[in-house]
Amino acid sequence: MHENALTLATIRIYSNGLRQPHFHFNANEMGYVISGCGKVGIIVSSKITTDFDIGTGDVVFFPIGTQHYIKSTCDEDLLMILAFSTGNQLQTLDMDDYFHATADHILAQLFFKKQEEFKKIPKFSEDQAINLPQQLILVAKNN
């Protein structure tokens, strides 16, 4: 549909707030810090993570499929403009949606824990499906 277009957005992360870990299925993300300061983290695997400080005028880039988070670390809000490499609907998976949508017994196997430990996590609800690809919405609804 709009493959050669960009999608622009702004994000305000309140002082000491967090944009939880997430990744995008269909777009690279580039961000420019308008004001504030923060920390950006990239999660490559369970053993490889990195983070770095950002401030006014800095630019960050996250390749498609890279799990990342953004945290405000100062007394003022962190304000950024974001550009995504798609004009189509952005497809994003937030880590809490992953936990909400995955059955307890599967989480227990993945994390080598007892199934009871995951029963405290609230289950998937319809309003959480806003930016999920259609096939993941169907999987989540069936769990």
C-alpha atoms as a PDB file:
ATOM      1  CA  MET A   1       0.000   0.000   0.000  1.00  0.00           C
ATOM      2  CA  HIS A   2       2.385   2.772   1.205  1.00  0.00           C
ATOM      3  CA  GLU A   3       5.695   0.910   1.157  1.00  0.00           C
ATOM      4  CA  ASN A   4       7.813   3.892   0.069  1.00  0.00           C
ATOM      5  CA  ALA A   5       6.476   6.239   2.743  1.00  0.00           C
ATOM      6  CA  LEU A   6       7.412   7.082   6.319  1.00  0.00           C
ATOM      7  CA  THR A   7       5.229   7.221   9.379  1.00  0.00           C
ATOM      8  CA  LEU A   8       6.066   9.981  11.862  1.00  0.00           C
ATOM      9  CA  ALA A   9       5.105  10.116  15.517  1.00  0.00           C
ATOM     10  CA  THR A  10       6.016  11.917  18.694  1.00  0.00           C
ATOM     11  CA  ILE A  11       6.512  10.290  22.052  1.00  0.00           C
ATOM     12  CA  ARG A  12       6.604  11.908  25.469  1.00  0.00           C
ATOM     13  CA  ILE A  13       8.008   9.779  28.271  1.00  0.00           C
ATOM     14  CA  TYR A  14       7.359  11.385  31.621  1.00  0.00           C
ATOM     15  CA  SER A  15      10.258  12.024  33.985  1.00  0.00           C
ATOM     16  CA  ASN A  16      11.769   8.687  35.030  1.00  0.00           C
ATOM     17  CA  GLY A  17       9.147   6.856  32.946  1.00  0.00           C
ATOM     18  CA  LEU A  18       9.684   3.924  30.588  1.00  0.00           C
ATOM     19  CA  ARG A  19       8.568   2.943  27.088  1.00  0.00           C
ATOM     20  CA  GLN A  20       8.572  -0.784  27.742  1.00  0.00           C
ATOM     21  CA  PRO A  21      10.612  -3.250  25.676  1.00  0.00           C
ATOM     22  CA  HIS A  22       9.051  -3.833  22.272  1.00  0.00           C
ATOM     23  CA  PHE A  23       9.904  -4.421  18.642  1.00  0.00           C
ATOM     24  CA  HIS A  24       8.396  -3.690  15.254  1.00  0.00           C
ATOM     25  CA  PHE A  25       7.631  -6.440  12.740  1.00  0.00           C
ATOM     26  CA  ASN A  26       7.469  -4.232   9.683  1.00  0.00           C
ATOM     27  CA  ALA A  27       9.625  -1.134  10.143  1.00  0.00           C
ATOM     28  CA  ASN A  28      12.964   0.297  11.122  1.00  0.00           C
ATOM     29  CA  GLU A  29      12.674   3.068  13.710  1.00  0.00           C
ATOM     30  CA  MET A  30      14.698   6.259  13.941  1.00  0.00           C
ATOM     31  CA  GLY A  31      14.269   8.742  16.766  1.00  0.00           C
ATOM     32  CA  TYR A  32      15.442  12.307  17.341  1.00  0.00           C
ATOM     33  CA  VAL A  33      15.562  13.714  20.885  1.00  0.00           C
ATOM     34  CA  ILE A  34      13.808  17.089  20.982  1.00  0.00           C
ATOM     35  CA  SER A  35      14.258  17.622  24.723  1.00  0.00           C
ATOM     36  CA  GLY A  36      15.061  15.766  27.913  1.00  0.00           C
ATOM     37  CA  CYS A  37      17.494  12.968  28.577  1.00  0.00           C
ATOM     38  CA  GLY A  38      17.246   9.246  28.792  1.00  0.00           C
ATOM     39  CA  LYS A  39      18.647   5.811  28.264  1.00  0.00           C
ATOM     40  CA  VAL A  40      18.049   3.574  25.265  1.00  0.00           C
ATOM     41  CA  GLY A  41      18.448  -0.172  25.588  1.00  0.00           C
ATOM     42  CA  ILE A  42      18.766  -2.824  22.908  1.00  0.00           C
ATOM     43  CA  ILE A  43      18.115  -6.455  23.757  1.00  0.00           C
ATOM     44  CA  VAL A  44      19.799  -8.795  21.283  1.00  0.00           C
ATOM     45  CA  SER A  45      19.441 -12.013  23.280  1.00  0.00           C
ATOM     46  CA  SER A  46      19.183 -13.139  26.889  1.00  0.00           C
ATOM     47  CA  LYS A  47      22.965 -12.737  27.133  1.00  0.00           C
ATOM     48  CA  ILE A  48      23.579  -9.697  24.927  1.00  0.00           C
ATOM     49  CA  THR A  49      22.131  -6.301  25.825  1.00  0.00           C
ATOM     50  CA  THR A  50      23.478  -2.802  25.572  1.00  0.00           C
ATOM     51  CA  ASP A  51      22.285   0.628  26.609  1.00  0.00           C
ATOM     52  CA  PHE A  52      23.459   4.172  26.111  1.00  0.00           C
ATOM     53  CA  ASP A  53      22.561   7.655  27.285  1.00  0.00           C
ATOM     54  CA  ILE A  54      20.695  10.056  25.020  1.00  0.00           C
ATOM     55  CA  GLY A  55      20.014  13.773  25.215  1.00  0.00           C
ATOM     56  CA  THR A  56      18.754  16.727  23.193  1.00  0.00           C
ATOM     57  CA  GLY A  57      19.900  16.521  19.570  1.00  0.00           C
ATOM     58  CA  ASP A  58      20.804  12.819  19.639  1.00  0.00           C
ATOM     59  CA  VAL A  59      19.565  10.377  17.002  1.00  0.00           C
ATOM     60  CA  VAL A  60      18.879   6.672  17.619  1.00  0.00           C
ATOM     61  CA  PHE A  61      18.182   3.858  15.153  1.00  0.00           C
ATOM     62  CA  PHE A  62      16.587   0.452  15.711  1.00  0.00           C
ATOM     63  CA  PRO A  63      16.590  -2.037  12.814  1.00  0.00           C
ATOM     64  CA  ILE A  64      13.396  -3.957  12.102  1.00  0.00           C
ATOM     65  CA  GLY A  65      12.823  -6.721  14.657  1.00  0.00           C
ATOM     66  CA  THR A  66      15.264  -5.318  17.246  1.00  0.00           C
ATOM     67  CA  GLN A  67      13.855  -5.418  20.778  1.00  0.00           C
ATOM     68  CA  HIS A  68      14.433  -2.052  22.458  1.00  0.00           C
ATOM     69  CA  TYR A  69      13.242   0.298  25.179  1.00  0.00           C
ATOM     70  CA  ILE A  70      13.500   4.009  25.976  1.00  0.00           C
ATOM     71  CA  LYS A  71      13.644   5.401  29.513  1.00  0.00           C
ATOM     72  CA  SER A  72      13.542   8.992  30.724  1.00  0.00           C
ATOM     73  CA  THR A  73      16.327   9.521  33.259  1.00  0.00           C
ATOM     74  CA  CYS A  74      16.113  13.171  34.257  1.00  0.00           C
ATOM     75  CA  ASP A  75      13.714  15.545  35.966  1.00  0.00           C
ATOM     76  CA  GLU A  76      12.075  16.675  32.727  1.00  0.00           C
ATOM     77  CA  ASP A  77      10.031  14.664  30.252  1.00  0.00           C
ATOM     78  CA  LEU A  78      11.832  13.019  27.339  1.00  0.00           C
ATOM     79  CA  LEU A  79      10.311  14.240  24.060  1.00  0.00           C
ATOM     80  CA  MET A  80      11.230  12.566  20.775  1.00  0.00           C
ATOM     81  CA  ILE A  81      10.084  12.542  17.182  1.00  0.00           C
ATOM     82  CA  LEU A  82      10.055   9.044  15.684  1.00  0.00           C
ATOM     83  CA  ALA A  83      10.190   7.958  12.038  1.00  0.00           C
ATOM     84  CA  PHE A  84       9.193   4.460  10.948  1.00  0.00           C
ATOM     85  CA  SER A  85      10.164   3.018   7.558  1.00  0.00           C
ATOM     86  CA  THR A  86       6.618   2.198   6.512  1.00  0.00           C
ATOM     87  CA  GLY A  87       3.522   4.052   5.486  1.00  0.00           C
ATOM     88  CA  ASN A  88       1.451   0.978   6.318  1.00  0.00           C
ATOM     89  CA  GLN A  89       0.044   0.311   9.774  1.00  0.00           C
ATOM     90  CA  LEU A  90       2.908  -0.155  12.217  1.00  0.00           C
ATOM     91  CA  GLN A  91       2.989  -3.672  13.669  1.00  0.00           C
ATOM     92  CA  THR A  92       4.475  -3.713  17.168  1.00  0.00           C
ATOM     93  CA  LEU A  93       4.766  -6.326  19.889  1.00  0.00           C
ATOM     94  CA  ASP A  94       5.137  -4.997  23.429  1.00  0.00           C
ATOM     95  CA  MET A  95       6.660  -7.476  25.839  1.00  0.00           C
ATOM     96  CA  ASP A  96       3.686  -7.334  28.205  1.00  0.00           C
ATOM     97  CA  ASP A  97       1.412  -8.325  25.303  1.00  0.00           C
ATOM     98  CA  TYR A  98       3.668 -11.321  24.687  1.00  0.00           C
ATOM     99  CA  PHE A  99       3.214 -12.464  28.288  1.00  0.00           C
ATOM    100  CA  HIS A 100      -0.534 -11.732  28.286  1.00  0.00           C
ATOM    101  CA  ALA A 101      -1.055 -13.749  25.109  1.00  0.00           C
ATOM    102  CA  THR A 102       1.090 -16.799  25.889  1.00  0.00           C
ATOM    103  CA  ALA A 103      -0.320 -19.772  27.786  1.00  0.00           C
ATOM    104  CA  ASP A 104       1.062 -20.410  31.298  1.00  0.00           C
ATOM    105  CA  HIS A 105       2.459 -23.841  30.478  1.00  0.00           C
ATOM    106  CA  ILE A 106       4.395 -22.456  27.489  1.00  0.00           C
ATOM    107  CA  LEU A 107       5.872 -19.599  29.554  1.00  0.00           C
ATOM    108  CA  ALA A 108       6.882 -22.121  32.221  1.00  0.00           C
ATOM    109  CA  GLN A 109       8.738 -24.198  29.641  1.00  0.00           C
ATOM    110  CA  LEU A 110      10.397 -21.170  28.027  1.00  0.00           C
ATOM    111  CA  PHE A 111      11.651 -19.714  31.311  1.00  0.00           C
ATOM    112  CA  PHE A 112      12.276 -22.979  33.207  1.00  0.00           C
ATOM    113  CA  LYS A 113       9.825 -22.016  35.957  1.00  0.00           C
ATOM    114  CA  LYS A 114       6.742 -23.568  37.523  1.00  0.00           C
ATOM    115  CA  GLN A 115       3.474 -22.924  35.724  1.00  0.00           C
ATOM    116  CA  GLU A 116       1.936 -21.420  38.892  1.00  0.00           C
ATOM    117  CA  GLU A 117       4.410 -18.519  38.746  1.00  0.00           C
ATOM    118  CA  PHE A 118       2.798 -17.299  35.541  1.00  0.00           C
ATOM    119  CA  LYS A 119      -0.826 -17.501  36.692  1.00  0.00           C
ATOM    120  CA  LYS A 120      -0.499 -14.009  38.227  1.00  0.00           C
ATOM    121  CA  ILE A 121      -0.011 -12.433  34.791  1.00  0.00           C
ATOM    122  CA  PRO A 122      -3.313 -11.049  33.442  1.00  0.00           C
ATOM    123  CA  LYS A 123      -4.455 -12.665  30.211  1.00  0.00           C
ATOM    124  CA  PHE A 124      -4.857 -11.062  26.803  1.00  0.00           C
ATOM    125  CA  SER A 125      -7.772  -8.694  26.294  1.00  0.00           C
ATOM    126  CA  GLU A 126      -9.196  -7.255  23.088  1.00  0.00           C
ATOM    127  CA  ASP A 127      -7.885  -3.717  23.655  1.00  0.00           C
ATOM    128  CA  GLN A 128      -4.291  -4.962  23.704  1.00  0.00           C
ATOM    129  CA  ALA A 129      -4.408  -5.997  20.038  1.00  0.00           C
ATOM    130  CA  ILE A 130      -4.092  -2.505  18.613  1.00  0.00           C
ATOM    131  CA  ASN A 131      -0.718  -2.908  16.874  1.00  0.00           C
ATOM    132  CA  LEU A 132      -0.315  -6.672  16.602  1.00  0.00           C
ATOM    133  CA  PRO A 133      -0.145  -8.413  13.225  1.00  0.00           C
ATOM    134  CA  GLN A 134      -3.417 -10.214  12.466  1.00  0.00           C
ATOM    135  CA  GLN A 135      -1.933 -13.709  12.859  1.00  0.00           C
ATOM    136  CA  LEU A 136      -0.756 -12.898  16.414  1.00  0.00           C
ATOM    137  CA  ILE A 137      -4.157 -11.514  17.362  1.00  0.00           C
ATOM    138  CA  LEU A 138      -5.717 -14.836  16.349  1.00  0.00           C
ATOM    139  CA  VAL A 139      -3.161 -16.807  18.370  1.00  0.00           C
ATOM    140  CA  ALA A 140      -3.684 -14.585  21.419  1.00  0.00           C
ATOM    141  CA  LYS A 141      -7.465 -14.902  21.280  1.00  0.00           C
ATOM    142  CA  ASN A 142      -7.253 -18.690  21.146  1.00  0.00           C
ATOM    143  CA  ASN A 143      -5.129 -19.038  24.327  1.00  0.00           C
END
